Amino acid sequence: MEISVWTLLVVGLGTVFCALLLIIGMGNLLISVVNRFFPEEEPKAQAATAVAAVAPNIKAAIESAVNTITAGKGKVESIEKI
């Protein structure tokens, strides 16, 4: 019994395709199970009074840098120390 090259190619590619579909399906199932039974906790809001004021010259420098980099399309809404 002789197997042609094309038959071997189709069987090999089909096997790889099915294996990849199985891996993707199992990954999605695992993600769904983990998200259902171990939901991500929401971070607690920090008090606004704990944030120290930023010096005006530093704030101006940050706003100028953002304005330059984003060509005037960016806006600084808040400055927090990481």
PDB file of N, CA and C in Angstrom:
ATOM      1  N   MET A   1       0.837  -1.172   0.000  1.00  0.00           N
ATOM      2  CA  MET A   1       0.000   0.000   0.000  1.00  0.00           C
ATOM      3  C   MET A   1       0.885   1.238   0.000  1.00  0.00           C
ATOM      4  N   GLU A   2       0.699   2.042  -0.986  1.00  0.00           N
ATOM      5  CA  GLU A   2       1.529   3.224  -1.141  1.00  0.00           C
ATOM      6  C   GLU A   2       0.693   4.474  -0.866  1.00  0.00           C
ATOM      7  N   ILE A   3       1.207   5.342   0.014  1.00  0.00           N
ATOM      8  CA  ILE A   3       0.521   6.580   0.358  1.00  0.00           C
ATOM      9  C   ILE A   3       1.151   7.703  -0.457  1.00  0.00           C
ATOM     10  N   SER A   4       0.324   8.480  -1.125  1.00  0.00           N
ATOM     11  CA  SER A   4       0.876   9.556  -1.945  1.00  0.00           C
ATOM     12  C   SER A   4       1.348  10.706  -1.054  1.00  0.00           C
ATOM     13  N   VAL A   5       2.160  11.513  -1.624  1.00  0.00           N
ATOM     14  CA  VAL A   5       2.699  12.663  -0.904  1.00  0.00           C
ATOM     15  C   VAL A   5       1.584  13.631  -0.533  1.00  0.00           C
ATOM     16  N   TRP A   6       0.634  13.821  -1.425  1.00  0.00           N
ATOM     17  CA  TRP A   6      -0.458  14.759  -1.182  1.00  0.00           C
ATOM     18  C   TRP A   6      -1.376  14.270  -0.067  1.00  0.00           C
ATOM     19  N   THR A   7      -1.597  12.978   0.006  1.00  0.00           N
ATOM     20  CA  THR A   7      -2.420  12.428   1.088  1.00  0.00           C
ATOM     21  C   THR A   7      -1.734  12.648   2.436  1.00  0.00           C
ATOM     22  N   LEU A   8      -0.443  12.388   2.457  1.00  0.00           N
ATOM     23  CA  LEU A   8       0.326  12.604   3.682  1.00  0.00           C
ATOM     24  C   LEU A   8       0.304  14.076   4.085  1.00  0.00           C
ATOM     25  N   LEU A   9       0.405  14.975   3.117  1.00  0.00           N
ATOM     26  CA  LEU A   9       0.365  16.407   3.394  1.00  0.00           C
ATOM     27  C   LEU A   9      -0.981  16.821   3.971  1.00  0.00           C
ATOM     28  N   VAL A  10      -2.061  16.368   3.372  1.00  0.00           N
ATOM     29  CA  VAL A  10      -3.397  16.736   3.842  1.00  0.00           C
ATOM     30  C   VAL A  10      -3.662  16.169   5.223  1.00  0.00           C
ATOM     31  N   VAL A  11      -3.286  14.942   5.461  1.00  0.00           N
ATOM     32  CA  VAL A  11      -3.489  14.334   6.783  1.00  0.00           C
ATOM     33  C   VAL A  11      -2.651  15.055   7.834  1.00  0.00           C
ATOM     34  N   GLY A  12      -1.423  15.395   7.507  1.00  0.00           N
ATOM     35  CA  GLY A  12      -0.555  16.102   8.458  1.00  0.00           C
ATOM     36  C   GLY A  12      -1.063  17.491   8.786  1.00  0.00           C
ATOM     37  N   LEU A  13      -1.430  18.244   7.767  1.00  0.00           N
ATOM     38  CA  LEU A  13      -1.950  19.590   8.000  1.00  0.00           C
ATOM     39  C   LEU A  13      -3.288  19.553   8.731  1.00  0.00           C
ATOM     40  N   GLY A  14      -4.120  18.595   8.406  1.00  0.00           N
ATOM     41  CA  GLY A  14      -5.401  18.445   9.101  1.00  0.00           C
ATOM     42  C   GLY A  14      -5.208  18.125  10.569  1.00  0.00           C
ATOM     43  N   THR A  15      -4.244  17.272  10.862  1.00  0.00           N
ATOM     44  CA  THR A  15      -3.948  16.914  12.251  1.00  0.00           C
ATOM     45  C   THR A  15      -3.458  18.131  13.032  1.00  0.00           C
ATOM     46  N   VAL A  16      -2.565  18.893  12.434  1.00  0.00           N
ATOM     47  CA  VAL A  16      -2.048  20.094  13.102  1.00  0.00           C
ATOM     48  C   VAL A  16      -3.169  21.106  13.313  1.00  0.00           C
ATOM     49  N   PHE A  17      -4.027  21.285  12.319  1.00  0.00           N
ATOM     50  CA  PHE A  17      -5.136  22.229  12.437  1.00  0.00           C
ATOM     51  C   PHE A  17      -6.083  21.818  13.559  1.00  0.00           C
ATOM     52  N   CYS A  18      -6.415  20.543  13.628  1.00  0.00           N
ATOM     53  CA  CYS A  18      -7.302  20.063  14.700  1.00  0.00           C
ATOM     54  C   CYS A  18      -6.652  20.221  16.075  1.00  0.00           C
ATOM     55  N   ALA A  19      -5.360  19.951  16.164  1.00  0.00           N
ATOM     56  CA  ALA A  19      -4.663  20.108  17.439  1.00  0.00           C
ATOM     57  C   ALA A  19      -4.669  21.564  17.883  1.00  0.00           C
ATOM     58  N   LEU A  20      -4.451  22.482  16.947  1.00  0.00           N
ATOM     59  CA  LEU A  20      -4.466  23.898  17.297  1.00  0.00           C
ATOM     60  C   LEU A  20      -5.862  24.357  17.712  1.00  0.00           C
ATOM     61  N   LEU A  21      -6.897  23.878  17.029  1.00  0.00           N
ATOM     62  CA  LEU A  21      -8.264  24.207  17.439  1.00  0.00           C
ATOM     63  C   LEU A  21      -8.549  23.684  18.845  1.00  0.00           C
ATOM     64  N   LEU A  22      -8.074  22.501  19.148  1.00  0.00           N
ATOM     65  CA  LEU A  22      -8.257  21.926  20.482  1.00  0.00           C
ATOM     66  C   LEU A  22      -7.537  22.767  21.536  1.00  0.00           C
ATOM     67  N   ILE A  23      -6.333  23.217  21.230  1.00  0.00           N
ATOM     68  CA  ILE A  23      -5.572  24.045  22.179  1.00  0.00           C
ATOM     69  C   ILE A  23      -6.284  25.369  22.417  1.00  0.00           C
ATOM     70  N   ILE A  24      -6.766  26.001  21.359  1.00  0.00           N
ATOM     71  CA  ILE A  24      -7.477  27.279  21.499  1.00  0.00           C
ATOM     72  C   ILE A  24      -8.760  27.098  22.299  1.00  0.00           C
ATOM     73  N   GLY A  25      -9.510  26.050  22.014  1.00  0.00           N
ATOM     74  CA  GLY A  25     -10.748  25.784  22.740  1.00  0.00           C
ATOM     75  C   GLY A  25     -10.503  25.523  24.218  1.00  0.00           C
ATOM     76  N   MET A  26      -9.493  24.729  24.525  1.00  0.00           N
ATOM     77  CA  MET A  26      -9.187  24.439  25.930  1.00  0.00           C
ATOM     78  C   MET A  26      -8.693  25.701  26.653  1.00  0.00           C
ATOM     79  N   GLY A  27      -7.931  26.543  25.956  1.00  0.00           N
ATOM     80  CA  GLY A  27      -7.472  27.794  26.560  1.00  0.00           C
ATOM     81  C   GLY A  27      -8.636  28.714  26.887  1.00  0.00           C
ATOM     82  N   ASN A  28      -9.575  28.830  25.948  1.00  0.00           N
ATOM     83  CA  ASN A  28     -10.758  29.663  26.205  1.00  0.00           C
ATOM     84  C   ASN A  28     -11.611  29.100  27.332  1.00  0.00           C
ATOM     85  N   LEU A  29     -11.732  27.789  27.398  1.00  0.00           N
ATOM     86  CA  LEU A  29     -12.477  27.156  28.487  1.00  0.00           C
ATOM     87  C   LEU A  29     -11.800  27.430  29.834  1.00  0.00           C
ATOM     88  N   LEU A  30     -10.486  27.318  29.872  1.00  0.00           N
ATOM     89  CA  LEU A  30      -9.746  27.583  31.103  1.00  0.00           C
ATOM     90  C   LEU A  30      -9.918  29.037  31.544  1.00  0.00           C
ATOM     91  N   ILE A  31      -9.858  29.962  30.606  1.00  0.00           N
ATOM     92  CA  ILE A  31     -10.047  31.373  30.932  1.00  0.00           C
ATOM     93  C   ILE A  31     -11.442  31.612  31.495  1.00  0.00           C
ATOM     94  N   SER A  32     -12.450  30.999  30.889  1.00  0.00           N
ATOM     95  CA  SER A  32     -13.827  31.171  31.364  1.00  0.00           C
ATOM     96  C   SER A  32     -14.006  30.627  32.778  1.00  0.00           C
ATOM     97  N   VAL A  33     -13.446  29.452  33.044  1.00  0.00           N
ATOM     98  CA  VAL A  33     -13.572  28.842  34.371  1.00  0.00           C
ATOM     99  C   VAL A  33     -12.869  29.690  35.421  1.00  0.00           C
ATOM    100  N   VAL A  34     -11.675  30.145  35.123  1.00  0.00           N
ATOM    101  CA  VAL A  34     -10.929  30.956  36.086  1.00  0.00           C
ATOM    102  C   VAL A  34     -11.656  32.267  36.350  1.00  0.00           C
ATOM    103  N   ASN A  35     -12.173  32.912  35.307  1.00  0.00           N
ATOM    104  CA  ASN A  35     -12.886  34.177  35.505  1.00  0.00           C
ATOM    105  C   ASN A  35     -14.192  33.989  36.269  1.00  0.00           C
ATOM    106  N   ARG A  36     -14.824  32.847  36.121  1.00  0.00           N
ATOM    107  CA  ARG A  36     -16.086  32.618  36.815  1.00  0.00           C
ATOM    108  C   ARG A  36     -15.858  32.338  38.301  1.00  0.00           C
ATOM    109  N   PHE A  37     -14.881  31.492  38.626  1.00  0.00           N
ATOM    110  CA  PHE A  37     -14.695  31.064  40.014  1.00  0.00           C
ATOM    111  C   PHE A  37     -13.695  31.917  40.784  1.00  0.00           C
ATOM    112  N   PHE A  38     -12.845  32.654  40.085  1.00  0.00           N
ATOM    113  CA  PHE A  38     -11.863  33.516  40.747  1.00  0.00           C
ATOM    114  C   PHE A  38     -11.892  34.895  40.098  1.00  0.00           C
ATOM    115  N   PRO A  39     -12.957  35.669  40.331  1.00  0.00           N
ATOM    116  CA  PRO A  39     -13.051  36.983  39.686  1.00  0.00           C
ATOM    117  C   PRO A  39     -11.988  37.932  40.216  1.00  0.00           C
ATOM    118  N   GLU A  40     -11.597  38.861  39.373  1.00  0.00           N
ATOM    119  CA  GLU A  40     -10.589  39.838  39.753  1.00  0.00           C
ATOM    120  C   GLU A  40     -11.203  40.848  40.705  1.00  0.00           C
ATOM    121  N   GLU A  41     -10.513  41.105  41.798  1.00  0.00           N
ATOM    122  CA  GLU A  41     -11.027  42.041  42.785  1.00  0.00           C
ATOM    123  C   GLU A  41     -10.837  43.466  42.288  1.00  0.00           C
ATOM    124  N   GLU A  42     -11.817  44.318  42.572  1.00  0.00           N
ATOM    125  CA  GLU A  42     -11.725  45.716  42.181  1.00  0.00           C
ATOM    126  C   GLU A  42     -10.814  46.440  43.170  1.00  0.00           C
ATOM    127  N   PRO A  43      -9.914  47.267  42.654  1.00  0.00           N
ATOM    128  CA  PRO A  43      -9.013  47.984  43.569  1.00  0.00           C
ATOM    129  C   PRO A  43      -9.789  49.012  44.384  1.00  0.00           C
ATOM    130  N   LYS A  44      -9.356  49.169  45.612  1.00  0.00           N
ATOM    131  CA  LYS A  44     -10.012  50.135  46.494  1.00  0.00           C
ATOM    132  C   LYS A  44      -9.583  51.551  46.105  1.00  0.00           C
ATOM    133  N   ALA A  45     -10.516  52.467  46.185  1.00  0.00           N
ATOM    134  CA  ALA A  45     -10.230  53.858  45.840  1.00  0.00           C
ATOM    135  C   ALA A  45      -9.360  54.483  46.920  1.00  0.00           C
ATOM    136  N   GLN A  46      -8.343  55.202  46.467  1.00  0.00           N
ATOM    137  CA  GLN A  46      -7.465  55.872  47.419  1.00  0.00           C
ATOM    138  C   GLN A  46      -8.029  57.245  47.733  1.00  0.00           C
ATOM    139  N   ALA A  47      -7.755  57.700  48.921  1.00  0.00           N
ATOM    140  CA  ALA A  47      -8.233  59.014  49.334  1.00  0.00           C
ATOM    141  C   ALA A  47      -7.506  60.098  48.555  1.00  0.00           C
ATOM    142  N   ALA A  48      -8.241  61.090  48.099  1.00  0.00           N
ATOM    143  CA  ALA A  48      -7.645  62.166  47.306  1.00  0.00           C
ATOM    144  C   ALA A  48      -6.767  63.067  48.166  1.00  0.00           C
ATOM    145  N   THR A  49      -6.982  63.064  49.458  1.00  0.00           N
ATOM    146  CA  THR A  49      -6.196  63.932  50.339  1.00  0.00           C
ATOM    147  C   THR A  49      -4.781  63.405  50.524  1.00  0.00           C
ATOM    148  N   ALA A  50      -4.539  62.149  50.205  1.00  0.00           N
ATOM    149  CA  ALA A  50      -3.221  61.565  50.413  1.00  0.00           C
ATOM    150  C   ALA A  50      -2.225  61.995  49.338  1.00  0.00           C
ATOM    151  N   VAL A  51      -2.726  62.512  48.217  1.00  0.00           N
ATOM    152  CA  VAL A  51      -1.854  62.906  47.118  1.00  0.00           C
ATOM    153  C   VAL A  51      -1.284  64.292  47.407  1.00  0.00           C
ATOM    154  N   ALA A  52       0.034  64.395  47.349  1.00  0.00           N
ATOM    155  CA  ALA A  52       0.683  65.679  47.607  1.00  0.00           C
ATOM    156  C   ALA A  52       0.563  66.571  46.368  1.00  0.00           C
ATOM    157  N   ALA A  53       0.557  67.863  46.588  1.00  0.00           N
ATOM    158  CA  ALA A  53       0.455  68.821  45.486  1.00  0.00           C
ATOM    159  C   ALA A  53       1.756  68.829  44.695  1.00  0.00           C
ATOM    160  N   VAL A  54       1.621  69.023  43.386  1.00  0.00           N
ATOM    161  CA  VAL A  54       2.780  69.081  42.505  1.00  0.00           C
ATOM    162  C   VAL A  54       3.177  70.539  42.338  1.00  0.00           C
ATOM    163  N   ALA A  55       4.472  70.790  42.356  1.00  0.00           N
ATOM    164  CA  ALA A  55       4.959  72.162  42.198  1.00  0.00           C
ATOM    165  C   ALA A  55       4.519  72.712  40.838  1.00  0.00           C
ATOM    166  N   PRO A  56       4.170  73.981  40.785  1.00  0.00           N
ATOM    167  CA  PRO A  56       3.670  74.569  39.528  1.00  0.00           C
ATOM    168  C   PRO A  56       4.653  74.473  38.363  1.00  0.00           C
ATOM    169  N   ASN A  57       5.964  74.626  38.635  1.00  0.00           N
ATOM    170  CA  ASN A  57       6.930  74.550  37.539  1.00  0.00           C
ATOM    171  C   ASN A  57       7.056  73.120  36.998  1.00  0.00           C
ATOM    172  N   ILE A  58       6.910  72.116  37.865  1.00  0.00           N
ATOM    173  CA  ILE A  58       6.953  70.725  37.426  1.00  0.00           C
ATOM    174  C   ILE A  58       5.691  70.393  36.623  1.00  0.00           C
ATOM    175  N   LYS A  59       4.558  70.875  37.091  1.00  0.00           N
ATOM    176  CA  LYS A  59       3.305  70.655  36.372  1.00  0.00           C
ATOM    177  C   LYS A  59       3.373  71.282  34.977  1.00  0.00           C
ATOM    178  N   ALA A  60       3.911  72.489  34.890  1.00  0.00           N
ATOM    179  CA  ALA A  60       4.038  73.164  33.596  1.00  0.00           C
ATOM    180  C   ALA A  60       4.976  72.404  32.666  1.00  0.00           C
ATOM    181  N   ALA A  61       6.070  71.857  33.216  1.00  0.00           N
ATOM    182  CA  ALA A  61       7.012  71.093  32.396  1.00  0.00           C
ATOM    183  C   ALA A  61       6.364  69.819  31.869  1.00  0.00           C
ATOM    184  N   ILE A  62       5.598  69.138  32.707  1.00  0.00           N
ATOM    185  CA  ILE A  62       4.919  67.906  32.276  1.00  0.00           C
ATOM    186  C   ILE A  62       3.878  68.218  31.212  1.00  0.00           C
ATOM    187  N   GLU A  63       3.098  69.279  31.417  1.00  0.00           N
ATOM    188  CA  GLU A  63       2.090  69.657  30.421  1.00  0.00           C
ATOM    189  C   GLU A  63       2.733  70.050  29.096  1.00  0.00           C
ATOM    190  N   SER A  64       3.873  70.741  29.160  1.00  0.00           N
ATOM    191  CA  SER A  64       4.582  71.134  27.951  1.00  0.00           C
ATOM    192  C   SER A  64       5.114  69.906  27.203  1.00  0.00           C
ATOM    193  N   ALA A  65       5.650  68.940  27.940  1.00  0.00           N
ATOM    194  CA  ALA A  65       6.165  67.717  27.312  1.00  0.00           C
ATOM    195  C   ALA A  65       5.043  66.925  26.649  1.00  0.00           C
ATOM    196  N   VAL A  66       3.914  66.794  27.334  1.00  0.00           N
ATOM    197  CA  VAL A  66       2.770  66.072  26.764  1.00  0.00           C
ATOM    198  C   VAL A  66       2.260  66.799  25.529  1.00  0.00           C
ATOM    199  N   ASN A  67       2.199  68.115  25.584  1.00  0.00           N
ATOM    200  CA  ASN A  67       1.738  68.906  24.448  1.00  0.00           C
ATOM    201  C   ASN A  67       2.677  68.732  23.250  1.00  0.00           C
ATOM    202  N   THR A  68       3.976  68.709  23.506  1.00  0.00           N
ATOM    203  CA  THR A  68       4.950  68.548  22.428  1.00  0.00           C
ATOM    204  C   THR A  68       4.888  67.157  21.817  1.00  0.00           C
ATOM    205  N   ILE A  69       4.834  66.142  22.635  1.00  0.00           N
ATOM    206  CA  ILE A  69       4.851  64.759  22.153  1.00  0.00           C
ATOM    207  C   ILE A  69       3.575  64.418  21.399  1.00  0.00           C
ATOM    208  N   THR A  70       2.431  64.887  21.883  1.00  0.00           N
ATOM    209  CA  THR A  70       1.150  64.522  21.269  1.00  0.00           C
ATOM    210  C   THR A  70       0.681  65.547  20.239  1.00  0.00           C
ATOM    211  N   ALA A  71       1.506  66.528  19.928  1.00  0.00           N
ATOM    212  CA  ALA A  71       1.194  67.569  18.948  1.00  0.00           C
ATOM    213  C   ALA A  71      -0.096  68.305  19.319  1.00  0.00           C
ATOM    214  N   GLY A  72      -0.281  68.587  20.587  1.00  0.00           N
ATOM    215  CA  GLY A  72      -1.427  69.350  21.047  1.00  0.00           C
ATOM    216  C   GLY A  72      -2.703  68.548  21.248  1.00  0.00           C
ATOM    217  N   LYS A  73      -2.666  67.239  21.019  1.00  0.00           N
ATOM    218  CA  LYS A  73      -3.874  66.416  21.146  1.00  0.00           C
ATOM    219  C   LYS A  73      -4.019  65.803  22.538  1.00  0.00           C
ATOM    220  N   GLY A  74      -2.950  65.784  23.320  1.00  0.00           N
ATOM    221  CA  GLY A  74      -2.995  65.180  24.643  1.00  0.00           C
ATOM    222  C   GLY A  74      -3.362  66.189  25.710  1.00  0.00           C
ATOM    223  N   LYS A  75      -3.866  65.671  26.826  1.00  0.00           N
ATOM    224  CA  LYS A  75      -4.269  66.540  27.933  1.00  0.00           C
ATOM    225  C   LYS A  75      -3.883  65.854  29.245  1.00  0.00           C
ATOM    226  N   VAL A  76      -3.272  66.601  30.143  1.00  0.00           N
ATOM    227  CA  VAL A  76      -2.899  66.072  31.457  1.00  0.00           C
ATOM    228  C   VAL A  76      -4.090  66.257  32.379  1.00  0.00           C
ATOM    229  N   GLU A  77      -4.649  65.146  32.850  1.00  0.00           N
ATOM    230  CA  GLU A  77      -5.807  65.211  33.740  1.00  0.00           C
ATOM    231  C   GLU A  77      -5.410  65.117  35.200  1.00  0.00           C
ATOM    232  N   SER A  78      -4.394  64.307  35.478  1.00  0.00           N
ATOM    233  CA  SER A  78      -3.933  64.190  36.858  1.00  0.00           C
ATOM    234  C   SER A  78      -2.476  63.758  36.852  1.00  0.00           C
ATOM    235  N   ILE A  79      -1.783  64.110  37.920  1.00  0.00           N
ATOM    236  CA  ILE A  79      -0.386  63.739  38.090  1.00  0.00           C
ATOM    237  C   ILE A  79      -0.269  63.010  39.403  1.00  0.00           C
ATOM    238  N   GLU A  80       0.183  61.753  39.349  1.00  0.00           N
ATOM    239  CA  GLU A  80       0.340  60.949  40.566  1.00  0.00           C
ATOM    240  C   GLU A  80       1.723  60.325  40.589  1.00  0.00           C
ATOM    241  N   LYS A  81       2.290  60.252  41.745  1.00  0.00           N
ATOM    242  CA  LYS A  81       3.571  59.597  41.906  1.00  0.00           C
ATOM    243  C   LYS A  81       3.367  58.086  41.962  1.00  0.00           C
ATOM    244  N   ILE A  82       4.169  57.387  41.206  1.00  0.00           N
ATOM    245  CA  ILE A  82       4.034  55.915  41.168  1.00  0.00           C
ATOM    246  C   ILE A  82       4.953  55.300  42.187  1.00  0.00           C
TER     247      ILE A  82
END
